Amino acid sequence: MGKFVITKRANGEFQFNLKAGNGQTILASEGYTTKAACTNGIESVKKNSQVDERFDKKEAKNGKPYFNLKATNGQIIGTSEMYESTASRDNGIASVKSNAPEATVDDQTA
């Protein structure tokens, strides 16, 4: 089962990573100024990860595929790692869809 891990950046911002059951990070958030905003971001991932249209499949300048997960307002709420192939990226999307809804929250800032 997946989990969201909340950490604090060096600049004081909060961020979360969605980790799969094997501990691999499958989605990373932007920086949030408050923990409450970070928690709202997690709830947004849980909800939006179940809508195919919210996954924006991209290709980096170096040719590596990745994806962004967007909220209903179009704002990016999470970004994947860079993958070696589009098939790997698509597996990453499937992993977010299966792990996010029931993922627990591990707040490492408390």
PDB file of N, CA and C in Angstrom:
ATOM      1  N   MET A   1       0.837  -1.187   0.000  1.00  0.00           N
ATOM      2  CA  MET A   1       0.000   0.000   0.000  1.00  0.00           C
ATOM      3  C   MET A   1       0.885   1.255   0.000  1.00  0.00           C
ATOM      4  N   GLY A   2       0.441   2.249  -0.712  1.00  0.00           N
ATOM      5  CA  GLY A   2       1.224   3.472  -0.831  1.00  0.00           C
ATOM      6  C   GLY A   2       1.074   4.382   0.372  1.00  0.00           C
ATOM      7  N   LYS A   3       1.952   5.387   0.418  1.00  0.00           N
ATOM      8  CA  LYS A   3       1.831   6.396   1.469  1.00  0.00           C
ATOM      9  C   LYS A   3       2.355   7.729   0.978  1.00  0.00           C
ATOM     10  N   PHE A   4       1.757   8.778   1.517  1.00  0.00           N
ATOM     11  CA  PHE A   4       2.218  10.137   1.288  1.00  0.00           C
ATOM     12  C   PHE A   4       3.169  10.483   2.425  1.00  0.00           C
ATOM     13  N   VAL A   5       4.365  10.956   2.078  1.00  0.00           N
ATOM     14  CA  VAL A   5       5.348  11.350   3.081  1.00  0.00           C
ATOM     15  C   VAL A   5       5.499  12.872   3.014  1.00  0.00           C
ATOM     16  N   ILE A   6       5.153  13.545   4.115  1.00  0.00           N
ATOM     17  CA  ILE A   6       5.276  15.008   4.195  1.00  0.00           C
ATOM     18  C   ILE A   6       6.633  15.340   4.820  1.00  0.00           C
ATOM     19  N   THR A   7       7.390  16.192   4.147  1.00  0.00           N
ATOM     20  CA  THR A   7       8.685  16.645   4.659  1.00  0.00           C
ATOM     21  C   THR A   7       8.759  18.160   4.526  1.00  0.00           C
ATOM     22  N   LYS A   8       9.789  18.734   5.130  1.00  0.00           N
ATOM     23  CA  LYS A   8      10.009  20.172   5.054  1.00  0.00           C
ATOM     24  C   LYS A   8      11.288  20.420   4.260  1.00  0.00           C
ATOM     25  N   ARG A   9      11.221  21.353   3.326  1.00  0.00           N
ATOM     26  CA  ARG A   9      12.386  21.719   2.524  1.00  0.00           C
ATOM     27  C   ARG A   9      13.303  22.658   3.306  1.00  0.00           C
ATOM     28  N   ALA A  10      14.511  22.822   2.809  1.00  0.00           N
ATOM     29  CA  ALA A  10      15.484  23.718   3.456  1.00  0.00           C
ATOM     30  C   ALA A  10      14.948  25.145   3.556  1.00  0.00           C
ATOM     31  N   ASN A  11      14.101  25.547   2.597  1.00  0.00           N
ATOM     32  CA  ASN A  11      13.557  26.913   2.606  1.00  0.00           C
ATOM     33  C   ASN A  11      12.315  27.040   3.498  1.00  0.00           C
ATOM     34  N   GLY A  12      11.959  25.964   4.214  1.00  0.00           N
ATOM     35  CA  GLY A  12      10.823  26.013   5.126  1.00  0.00           C
ATOM     36  C   GLY A  12       9.501  25.584   4.520  1.00  0.00           C
ATOM     37  N   GLU A  13       9.474  25.353   3.217  1.00  0.00           N
ATOM     38  CA  GLU A  13       8.233  24.914   2.579  1.00  0.00           C
ATOM     39  C   GLU A  13       7.977  23.436   2.870  1.00  0.00           C
ATOM     40  N   PHE A  14       6.691  23.080   2.864  1.00  0.00           N
ATOM     41  CA  PHE A  14       6.284  21.684   3.023  1.00  0.00           C
ATOM     42  C   PHE A  14       6.122  21.062   1.646  1.00  0.00           C
ATOM     43  N   GLN A  15       6.397  19.765   1.554  1.00  0.00           N
ATOM     44  CA  GLN A  15       6.162  19.044   0.303  1.00  0.00           C
ATOM     45  C   GLN A  15       5.760  17.626   0.656  1.00  0.00           C
ATOM     46  N   PHE A  16       5.154  16.930  -0.318  1.00  0.00           N
ATOM     47  CA  PHE A  16       4.862  15.520  -0.104  1.00  0.00           C
ATOM     48  C   PHE A  16       5.357  14.718  -1.296  1.00  0.00           C
ATOM     49  N   ASN A  17       5.682  13.471  -1.011  1.00  0.00           N
ATOM     50  CA  ASN A  17       5.977  12.484  -2.042  1.00  0.00           C
ATOM     51  C   ASN A  17       4.995  11.340  -1.853  1.00  0.00           C
ATOM     52  N   LEU A  18       4.450  10.852  -2.963  1.00  0.00           N
ATOM     53  CA  LEU A  18       3.646   9.639  -2.920  1.00  0.00           C
ATOM     54  C   LEU A  18       4.585   8.483  -3.209  1.00  0.00           C
ATOM     55  N   LYS A  19       4.662   7.556  -2.276  1.00  0.00           N
ATOM     56  CA  LYS A  19       5.540   6.400  -2.433  1.00  0.00           C
ATOM     57  C   LYS A  19       4.704   5.147  -2.615  1.00  0.00           C
ATOM     58  N   ALA A  20       5.154   4.289  -3.525  1.00  0.00           N
ATOM     59  CA  ALA A  20       4.489   3.008  -3.748  1.00  0.00           C
ATOM     60  C   ALA A  20       4.815   2.072  -2.582  1.00  0.00           C
ATOM     61  N   GLY A  21       4.177   0.928  -2.558  1.00  0.00           N
ATOM     62  CA  GLY A  21       4.398  -0.046  -1.501  1.00  0.00           C
ATOM     63  C   GLY A  21       5.851  -0.464  -1.356  1.00  0.00           C
ATOM     64  N   ASN A  22       6.606  -0.400  -2.458  1.00  0.00           N
ATOM     65  CA  ASN A  22       8.029  -0.786  -2.429  1.00  0.00           C
ATOM     66  C   ASN A  22       8.932   0.366  -1.982  1.00  0.00           C
ATOM     67  N   GLY A  23       8.330   1.517  -1.633  1.00  0.00           N
ATOM     68  CA  GLY A  23       9.106   2.647  -1.157  1.00  0.00           C
ATOM     69  C   GLY A  23       9.583   3.596  -2.232  1.00  0.00           C
ATOM     70  N   GLN A  24       9.335   3.272  -3.497  1.00  0.00           N
ATOM     71  CA  GLN A  24       9.762   4.138  -4.599  1.00  0.00           C
ATOM     72  C   GLN A  24       8.827   5.335  -4.726  1.00  0.00           C
ATOM     73  N   THR A  25       9.412   6.526  -4.894  1.00  0.00           N
ATOM     74  CA  THR A  25       8.614   7.731  -5.083  1.00  0.00           C
ATOM     75  C   THR A  25       7.998   7.710  -6.478  1.00  0.00           C
ATOM     76  N   ILE A  26       6.673   7.868  -6.551  1.00  0.00           N
ATOM     77  CA  ILE A  26       5.987   7.858  -7.840  1.00  0.00           C
ATOM     78  C   ILE A  26       5.371   9.210  -8.192  1.00  0.00           C
ATOM     79  N   LEU A  27       5.326  10.130  -7.218  1.00  0.00           N
ATOM     80  CA  LEU A  27       4.806  11.472  -7.484  1.00  0.00           C
ATOM     81  C   LEU A  27       5.365  12.422  -6.436  1.00  0.00           C
ATOM     82  N   ALA A  28       5.830  13.594  -6.870  1.00  0.00           N
ATOM     83  CA  ALA A  28       6.384  14.600  -5.955  1.00  0.00           C
ATOM     84  C   ALA A  28       5.590  15.895  -6.119  1.00  0.00           C
ATOM     85  N   SER A  29       5.338  16.558  -5.002  1.00  0.00           N
ATOM     86  CA  SER A  29       4.550  17.792  -5.029  1.00  0.00           C
ATOM     87  C   SER A  29       5.435  19.012  -5.216  1.00  0.00           C
ATOM     88  N   GLU A  30       4.765  20.129  -5.394  1.00  0.00           N
ATOM     89  CA  GLU A  30       5.400  21.432  -5.349  1.00  0.00           C
ATOM     90  C   GLU A  30       5.661  21.781  -3.887  1.00  0.00           C
ATOM     91  N   GLY A  31       6.236  22.916  -3.628  1.00  0.00           N
ATOM     92  CA  GLY A  31       6.421  23.393  -2.266  1.00  0.00           C
ATOM     93  C   GLY A  31       5.192  24.163  -1.810  1.00  0.00           C
ATOM     94  N   TYR A  32       4.805  23.957  -0.563  1.00  0.00           N
ATOM     95  CA  TYR A  32       3.660  24.657   0.033  1.00  0.00           C
ATOM     96  C   TYR A  32       4.146  25.479   1.218  1.00  0.00           C
ATOM     97  N   THR A  33       3.545  26.656   1.406  1.00  0.00           N
ATOM     98  CA  THR A  33       3.971  27.522   2.501  1.00  0.00           C
ATOM     99  C   THR A  33       3.431  27.060   3.849  1.00  0.00           C
ATOM    100  N   THR A  34       2.316  26.304   3.845  1.00  0.00           N
ATOM    101  CA  THR A  34       1.747  25.815   5.106  1.00  0.00           C
ATOM    102  C   THR A  34       1.496  24.313   5.017  1.00  0.00           C
ATOM    103  N   LYS A  35       1.469  23.680   6.183  1.00  0.00           N
ATOM    104  CA  LYS A  35       1.175  22.250   6.221  1.00  0.00           C
ATOM    105  C   LYS A  35      -0.259  21.998   5.776  1.00  0.00           C
ATOM    106  N   ALA A  36      -1.163  22.913   6.116  1.00  0.00           N
ATOM    107  CA  ALA A  36      -2.571  22.759   5.715  1.00  0.00           C
ATOM    108  C   ALA A  36      -2.695  22.725   4.190  1.00  0.00           C
ATOM    109  N   ALA A  37      -1.970  23.588   3.510  1.00  0.00           N
ATOM    110  CA  ALA A  37      -2.003  23.608   2.043  1.00  0.00           C
ATOM    111  C   ALA A  37      -1.425  22.308   1.486  1.00  0.00           C
ATOM    112  N   CYS A  38      -0.387  21.803   2.121  1.00  0.00           N
ATOM    113  CA  CYS A  38       0.227  20.544   1.712  1.00  0.00           C
ATOM    114  C   CYS A  38      -0.776  19.395   1.864  1.00  0.00           C
ATOM    115  N   THR A  39      -1.479  19.380   2.986  1.00  0.00           N
ATOM    116  CA  THR A  39      -2.499  18.351   3.232  1.00  0.00           C
ATOM    117  C   THR A  39      -3.617  18.447   2.204  1.00  0.00           C
ATOM    118  N   ASN A  40      -4.012  19.664   1.848  1.00  0.00           N
ATOM    119  CA  ASN A  40      -5.024  19.853   0.799  1.00  0.00           C
ATOM    120  C   ASN A  40      -4.526  19.299  -0.536  1.00  0.00           C
ATOM    121  N   GLY A  41      -3.224  19.468  -0.800  1.00  0.00           N
ATOM    122  CA  GLY A  41      -2.632  18.920  -2.023  1.00  0.00           C
ATOM    123  C   GLY A  41      -2.738  17.407  -2.063  1.00  0.00           C
ATOM    124  N   ILE A  42      -2.519  16.769  -0.913  1.00  0.00           N
ATOM    125  CA  ILE A  42      -2.645  15.308  -0.830  1.00  0.00           C
ATOM    126  C   ILE A  42      -4.081  14.880  -1.146  1.00  0.00           C
ATOM    127  N   GLU A  43      -5.044  15.577  -0.566  1.00  0.00           N
ATOM    128  CA  GLU A  43      -6.454  15.253  -0.834  1.00  0.00           C
ATOM    129  C   GLU A  43      -6.781  15.443  -2.311  1.00  0.00           C
ATOM    130  N   SER A  44      -6.200  16.463  -2.920  1.00  0.00           N
ATOM    131  CA  SER A  44      -6.409  16.713  -4.342  1.00  0.00           C
ATOM    132  C   SER A  44      -5.832  15.580  -5.190  1.00  0.00           C
ATOM    133  N   VAL A  45      -4.664  15.061  -4.797  1.00  0.00           N
ATOM    134  CA  VAL A  45      -4.075  13.923  -5.524  1.00  0.00           C
ATOM    135  C   VAL A  45      -4.980  12.705  -5.403  1.00  0.00           C
ATOM    136  N   LYS A  46      -5.468  12.441  -4.196  1.00  0.00           N
ATOM    137  CA  LYS A  46      -6.347  11.279  -4.002  1.00  0.00           C
ATOM    138  C   LYS A  46      -7.555  11.345  -4.925  1.00  0.00           C
ATOM    139  N   LYS A  47      -8.136  12.530  -5.051  1.00  0.00           N
ATOM    140  CA  LYS A  47      -9.340  12.714  -5.866  1.00  0.00           C
ATOM    141  C   LYS A  47      -9.014  12.720  -7.356  1.00  0.00           C
ATOM    142  N   ASN A  48      -8.043  13.531  -7.763  1.00  0.00           N
ATOM    143  CA  ASN A  48      -7.766  13.714  -9.183  1.00  0.00           C
ATOM    144  C   ASN A  48      -7.037  12.540  -9.824  1.00  0.00           C
ATOM    145  N   SER A  49      -6.399  11.688  -9.019  1.00  0.00           N
ATOM    146  CA  SER A  49      -5.677  10.548  -9.577  1.00  0.00           C
ATOM    147  C   SER A  49      -6.615   9.516 -10.189  1.00  0.00           C
ATOM    148  N   GLN A  50      -7.898   9.649  -9.933  1.00  0.00           N
ATOM    149  CA  GLN A  50      -8.864   8.703 -10.482  1.00  0.00           C
ATOM    150  C   GLN A  50      -9.482   9.174 -11.793  1.00  0.00           C
ATOM    151  N   VAL A  51      -9.014  10.323 -12.307  1.00  0.00           N
ATOM    152  CA  VAL A  51      -9.548  10.891 -13.556  1.00  0.00           C
ATOM    153  C   VAL A  51      -8.437  10.895 -14.601  1.00  0.00           C
ATOM    154  N   ASP A  52      -8.595  10.058 -15.629  1.00  0.00           N
ATOM    155  CA  ASP A  52      -7.544   9.908 -16.651  1.00  0.00           C
ATOM    156  C   ASP A  52      -7.113  11.237 -17.249  1.00  0.00           C
ATOM    157  N   GLU A  53      -8.081  12.131 -17.480  1.00  0.00           N
ATOM    158  CA  GLU A  53      -7.776  13.408 -18.137  1.00  0.00           C
ATOM    159  C   GLU A  53      -6.878  14.311 -17.301  1.00  0.00           C
ATOM    160  N   ARG A  54      -6.722  14.026 -16.014  1.00  0.00           N
ATOM    161  CA  ARG A  54      -5.892  14.854 -15.141  1.00  0.00           C
ATOM    162  C   ARG A  54      -4.399  14.545 -15.288  1.00  0.00           C
ATOM    163  N   PHE A  55      -4.078  13.422 -15.943  1.00  0.00           N
ATOM    164  CA  PHE A  55      -2.675  13.060 -16.162  1.00  0.00           C
ATOM    165  C   PHE A  55      -2.196  13.663 -17.476  1.00  0.00           C
ATOM    166  N   ASP A  56      -1.198  14.523 -17.385  1.00  0.00           N
ATOM    167  CA  ASP A  56      -0.646  15.210 -18.545  1.00  0.00           C
ATOM    168  C   ASP A  56       0.686  14.537 -18.893  1.00  0.00           C
ATOM    169  N   LYS A  57       0.671  13.752 -19.962  1.00  0.00           N
ATOM    170  CA  LYS A  57       1.872  13.012 -20.377  1.00  0.00           C
ATOM    171  C   LYS A  57       2.803  13.956 -21.129  1.00  0.00           C
ATOM    172  N   LYS A  58       4.042  14.040 -20.666  1.00  0.00           N
ATOM    173  CA  LYS A  58       4.997  15.002 -21.213  1.00  0.00           C
ATOM    174  C   LYS A  58       6.284  14.294 -21.630  1.00  0.00           C
ATOM    175  N   GLU A  59       7.139  15.064 -22.305  1.00  0.00           N
ATOM    176  CA  GLU A  59       8.480  14.595 -22.631  1.00  0.00           C
ATOM    177  C   GLU A  59       9.461  15.711 -22.292  1.00  0.00           C
ATOM    178  N   ALA A  60      10.488  15.390 -21.522  1.00  0.00           N
ATOM    179  CA  ALA A  60      11.498  16.371 -21.120  1.00  0.00           C
ATOM    180  C   ALA A  60      12.389  16.712 -22.311  1.00  0.00           C
ATOM    181  N   LYS A  61      13.163  17.779 -22.162  1.00  0.00           N
ATOM    182  CA  LYS A  61      14.072  18.206 -23.240  1.00  0.00           C
ATOM    183  C   LYS A  61      15.056  17.108 -23.618  1.00  0.00           C
ATOM    184  N   ASN A  62      15.397  16.253 -22.642  1.00  0.00           N
ATOM    185  CA  ASN A  62      16.337  15.166 -22.928  1.00  0.00           C
ATOM    186  C   ASN A  62      15.649  13.948 -23.534  1.00  0.00           C
ATOM    187  N   GLY A  63      14.345  14.065 -23.824  1.00  0.00           N
ATOM    188  CA  GLY A  63      13.612  12.992 -24.481  1.00  0.00           C
ATOM    189  C   GLY A  63      12.977  11.986 -23.534  1.00  0.00           C
ATOM    190  N   LYS A  64      13.195  12.161 -22.244  1.00  0.00           N
ATOM    191  CA  LYS A  64      12.646  11.198 -21.284  1.00  0.00           C
ATOM    192  C   LYS A  64      11.189  11.536 -20.963  1.00  0.00           C
ATOM    193  N   PRO A  65      10.320  10.522 -20.973  1.00  0.00           N
ATOM    194  CA  PRO A  65       8.913  10.753 -20.658  1.00  0.00           C
ATOM    195  C   PRO A  65       8.684  10.925 -19.153  1.00  0.00           C
ATOM    196  N   TYR A  66       7.683  11.738 -18.824  1.00  0.00           N
ATOM    197  CA  TYR A  66       7.235  11.923 -17.436  1.00  0.00           C
ATOM    198  C   TYR A  66       5.798  12.384 -17.485  1.00  0.00           C
ATOM    199  N   PHE A  67       5.188  12.589 -16.328  1.00  0.00           N
ATOM    200  CA  PHE A  67       3.821  13.104 -16.318  1.00  0.00           C
ATOM    201  C   PHE A  67       3.614  14.072 -15.167  1.00  0.00           C
ATOM    202  N   ASN A  68       2.624  14.943 -15.358  1.00  0.00           N
ATOM    203  CA  ASN A  68       2.126  15.827 -14.309  1.00  0.00           C
ATOM    204  C   ASN A  68       0.699  15.406 -13.991  1.00  0.00           C
ATOM    205  N   LEU A  69       0.334  15.506 -12.725  1.00  0.00           N
ATOM    206  CA  LEU A  69      -1.050  15.323 -12.329  1.00  0.00           C
ATOM    207  C   LEU A  69      -1.604  16.705 -12.035  1.00  0.00           C
ATOM    208  N   LYS A  70      -2.733  17.030 -12.670  1.00  0.00           N
ATOM    209  CA  LYS A  70      -3.304  18.366 -12.531  1.00  0.00           C
ATOM    210  C   LYS A  70      -4.641  18.327 -11.798  1.00  0.00           C
ATOM    211  N   ALA A  71      -4.923  19.414 -11.105  1.00  0.00           N
ATOM    212  CA  ALA A  71      -6.215  19.583 -10.435  1.00  0.00           C
ATOM    213  C   ALA A  71      -7.250  20.040 -11.462  1.00  0.00           C
ATOM    214  N   THR A  72      -8.497  20.129 -11.033  1.00  0.00           N
ATOM    215  CA  THR A  72      -9.563  20.558 -11.938  1.00  0.00           C
ATOM    216  C   THR A  72      -9.304  21.944 -12.510  1.00  0.00           C
ATOM    217  N   ASN A  73      -8.592  22.800 -11.761  1.00  0.00           N
ATOM    218  CA  ASN A  73      -8.309  24.156 -12.241  1.00  0.00           C
ATOM    219  C   ASN A  73      -7.077  24.212 -13.147  1.00  0.00           C
ATOM    220  N   GLY A  74      -6.475  23.044 -13.436  1.00  0.00           N
ATOM    221  CA  GLY A  74      -5.326  23.003 -14.329  1.00  0.00           C
ATOM    222  C   GLY A  74      -3.983  23.151 -13.636  1.00  0.00           C
ATOM    223  N   GLN A  75      -3.995  23.416 -12.324  1.00  0.00           N
ATOM    224  CA  GLN A  75      -2.747  23.580 -11.586  1.00  0.00           C
ATOM    225  C   GLN A  75      -2.089  22.216 -11.376  1.00  0.00           C
ATOM    226  N   ILE A  76      -0.761  22.186 -11.538  1.00  0.00           N
ATOM    227  CA  ILE A  76      -0.015  20.942 -11.326  1.00  0.00           C
ATOM    228  C   ILE A  76       0.053  20.670  -9.820  1.00  0.00           C
ATOM    229  N   ILE A  77      -0.368  19.457  -9.425  1.00  0.00           N
ATOM    230  CA  ILE A  77      -0.315  19.085  -8.013  1.00  0.00           C
ATOM    231  C   ILE A  77       0.746  18.023  -7.750  1.00  0.00           C
ATOM    232  N   GLY A  78       1.286  17.447  -8.791  1.00  0.00           N
ATOM    233  CA  GLY A  78       2.352  16.466  -8.616  1.00  0.00           C
ATOM    234  C   GLY A  78       3.046  16.172  -9.920  1.00  0.00           C
ATOM    235  N   THR A  79       4.324  15.835  -9.836  1.00  0.00           N
ATOM    236  CA  THR A  79       5.143  15.519 -11.007  1.00  0.00           C
ATOM    237  C   THR A  79       5.858  14.199 -10.766  1.00  0.00           C
ATOM    238  N   SER A  80       5.946  13.401 -11.808  1.00  0.00           N
ATOM    239  CA  SER A  80       6.625  12.104 -11.694  1.00  0.00           C
ATOM    240  C   SER A  80       8.121  12.264 -11.890  1.00  0.00           C
ATOM    241  N   GLU A  81       8.821  11.156 -11.712  1.00  0.00           N
ATOM    242  CA  GLU A  81      10.232  11.089 -12.075  1.00  0.00           C
ATOM    243  C   GLU A  81      10.338  11.022 -13.597  1.00  0.00           C
ATOM    244  N   MET A  82      11.547  11.068 -14.109  1.00  0.00           N
ATOM    245  CA  MET A  82      11.787  10.853 -15.532  1.00  0.00           C
ATOM    246  C   MET A  82      11.888   9.343 -15.766  1.00  0.00           C
ATOM    247  N   TYR A  83      11.236   8.878 -16.810  1.00  0.00           N
ATOM    248  CA  TYR A  83      11.235   7.449 -17.122  1.00  0.00           C
ATOM    249  C   TYR A  83      12.070   7.172 -18.363  1.00  0.00           C
ATOM    250  N   GLU A  84      12.464   5.921 -18.513  1.00  0.00           N
ATOM    251  CA  GLU A  84      13.266   5.510 -19.665  1.00  0.00           C
ATOM    252  C   GLU A  84      12.405   5.256 -20.895  1.00  0.00           C
ATOM    253  N   SER A  85      11.112   4.984 -20.690  1.00  0.00           N
ATOM    254  CA  SER A  85      10.229   4.679 -21.820  1.00  0.00           C
ATOM    255  C   SER A  85       8.813   5.156 -21.518  1.00  0.00           C
ATOM    256  N   THR A  86       8.013   5.284 -22.568  1.00  0.00           N
ATOM    257  CA  THR A  86       6.618   5.673 -22.370  1.00  0.00           C
ATOM    258  C   THR A  86       5.864   4.569 -21.638  1.00  0.00           C
ATOM    259  N   ALA A  87       6.241   3.313 -21.856  1.00  0.00           N
ATOM    260  CA  ALA A  87       5.592   2.204 -21.147  1.00  0.00           C
ATOM    261  C   ALA A  87       5.849   2.314 -19.646  1.00  0.00           C
ATOM    262  N   SER A  88       7.077   2.667 -19.270  1.00  0.00           N
ATOM    263  CA  SER A  88       7.396   2.849 -17.852  1.00  0.00           C
ATOM    264  C   SER A  88       6.596   4.007 -17.272  1.00  0.00           C
ATOM    265  N   ARG A  89       6.486   5.102 -18.047  1.00  0.00           N
ATOM    266  CA  ARG A  89       5.688   6.244 -17.585  1.00  0.00           C
ATOM    267  C   ARG A  89       4.237   5.822 -17.374  1.00  0.00           C
ATOM    268  N   ASP A  90       3.690   5.073 -18.301  1.00  0.00           N
ATOM    269  CA  ASP A  90       2.301   4.641 -18.180  1.00  0.00           C
ATOM    270  C   ASP A  90       2.111   3.722 -16.971  1.00  0.00           C
ATOM    271  N   ASN A  91       3.115   2.914 -16.665  1.00  0.00           N
ATOM    272  CA  ASN A  91       3.075   2.091 -15.452  1.00  0.00           C
ATOM    273  C   ASN A  91       3.096   2.980 -14.210  1.00  0.00           C
ATOM    274  N   GLY A  92       3.858   4.087 -14.274  1.00  0.00           N
ATOM    275  CA  GLY A  92       3.896   5.042 -13.172  1.00  0.00           C
ATOM    276  C   GLY A  92       2.535   5.667 -12.928  1.00  0.00           C
ATOM    277  N   ILE A  93       1.849   6.015 -13.997  1.00  0.00           N
ATOM    278  CA  ILE A  93       0.491   6.569 -13.884  1.00  0.00           C
ATOM    279  C   ILE A  93      -0.434   5.545 -13.241  1.00  0.00           C
ATOM    280  N   ALA A  94      -0.348   4.302 -13.699  1.00  0.00           N
ATOM    281  CA  ALA A  94      -1.181   3.237 -13.129  1.00  0.00           C
ATOM    282  C   ALA A  94      -0.882   3.057 -11.643  1.00  0.00           C
ATOM    283  N   SER A  95       0.371   3.198 -11.268  1.00  0.00           N
ATOM    284  CA  SER A  95       0.766   3.065  -9.864  1.00  0.00           C
ATOM    285  C   SER A  95       0.174   4.188  -9.017  1.00  0.00           C
ATOM    286  N   VAL A  96       0.195   5.421  -9.537  1.00  0.00           N
ATOM    287  CA  VAL A  96      -0.421   6.540  -8.815  1.00  0.00           C
ATOM    288  C   VAL A  96      -1.923   6.286  -8.655  1.00  0.00           C
ATOM    289  N   LYS A  97      -2.572   5.829  -9.725  1.00  0.00           N
ATOM    290  CA  LYS A  97      -4.013   5.583  -9.677  1.00  0.00           C
ATOM    291  C   LYS A  97      -4.370   4.515  -8.653  1.00  0.00           C
ATOM    292  N   SER A  98      -3.522   3.498  -8.510  1.00  0.00           N
ATOM    293  CA  SER A  98      -3.846   2.417  -7.577  1.00  0.00           C
ATOM    294  C   SER A  98      -3.406   2.730  -6.146  1.00  0.00           C
ATOM    295  N   ASN A  99      -2.326   3.495  -5.972  1.00  0.00           N
ATOM    296  CA  ASN A  99      -1.804   3.760  -4.632  1.00  0.00           C
ATOM    297  C   ASN A  99      -2.429   4.972  -3.941  1.00  0.00           C
ATOM    298  N   ALA A 100      -2.730   6.035  -4.686  1.00  0.00           N
ATOM    299  CA  ALA A 100      -3.132   7.301  -4.070  1.00  0.00           C
ATOM    300  C   ALA A 100      -4.418   7.239  -3.251  1.00  0.00           C
ATOM    301  N   PRO A 101      -5.493   6.618  -3.736  1.00  0.00           N
ATOM    302  CA  PRO A 101      -6.775   6.742  -3.017  1.00  0.00           C
ATOM    303  C   PRO A 101      -6.743   6.252  -1.574  1.00  0.00           C
ATOM    304  N   GLU A 102      -6.041   5.181  -1.303  1.00  0.00           N
ATOM    305  CA  GLU A 102      -6.033   4.585   0.034  1.00  0.00           C
ATOM    306  C   GLU A 102      -4.722   4.816   0.775  1.00  0.00           C
ATOM    307  N   ALA A 103      -3.858   5.639   0.215  1.00  0.00           N
ATOM    308  CA  ALA A 103      -2.531   5.853   0.830  1.00  0.00           C
ATOM    309  C   ALA A 103      -2.648   6.515   2.189  1.00  0.00           C
ATOM    310  N   THR A 104      -1.791   6.080   3.105  1.00  0.00           N
ATOM    311  CA  THR A 104      -1.732   6.686   4.425  1.00  0.00           C
ATOM    312  C   THR A 104      -0.845   7.935   4.341  1.00  0.00           C
ATOM    313  N   VAL A 105      -0.835   8.747   5.398  1.00  0.00           N
ATOM    314  CA  VAL A 105      -0.005   9.948   5.431  1.00  0.00           C
ATOM    315  C   VAL A 105       1.028   9.791   6.543  1.00  0.00           C
ATOM    316  N   ASP A 106       2.295   9.946   6.178  1.00  0.00           N
ATOM    317  CA  ASP A 106       3.413   9.885   7.133  1.00  0.00           C
ATOM    318  C   ASP A 106       3.992  11.286   7.232  1.00  0.00           C
ATOM    319  N   ASP A 107       3.608  12.006   8.281  1.00  0.00           N
ATOM    320  CA  ASP A 107       4.050  13.386   8.474  1.00  0.00           C
ATOM    321  C   ASP A 107       5.388  13.359   9.223  1.00  0.00           C
ATOM    322  N   GLN A 108       6.473  13.638   8.508  1.00  0.00           N
ATOM    323  CA  GLN A 108       7.796  13.606   9.107  1.00  0.00           C
ATOM    324  C   GLN A 108       8.236  14.984   9.611  1.00  0.00           C
ATOM    325  N   THR A 109       7.286  15.940   9.641  1.00  0.00           N
ATOM    326  CA  THR A 109       7.613  17.286  10.122  1.00  0.00           C
ATOM    327  C   THR A 109       7.155  17.485  11.562  1.00  0.00           C
ATOM    328  N   ALA A 110       6.364  16.543  12.070  1.00  0.00           N
ATOM    329  CA  ALA A 110       5.775  16.715  13.408  1.00  0.00           C
ATOM    330  C   ALA A 110       6.807  16.570  14.514  1.00  0.00           C
TER     331      ALA A 110
END
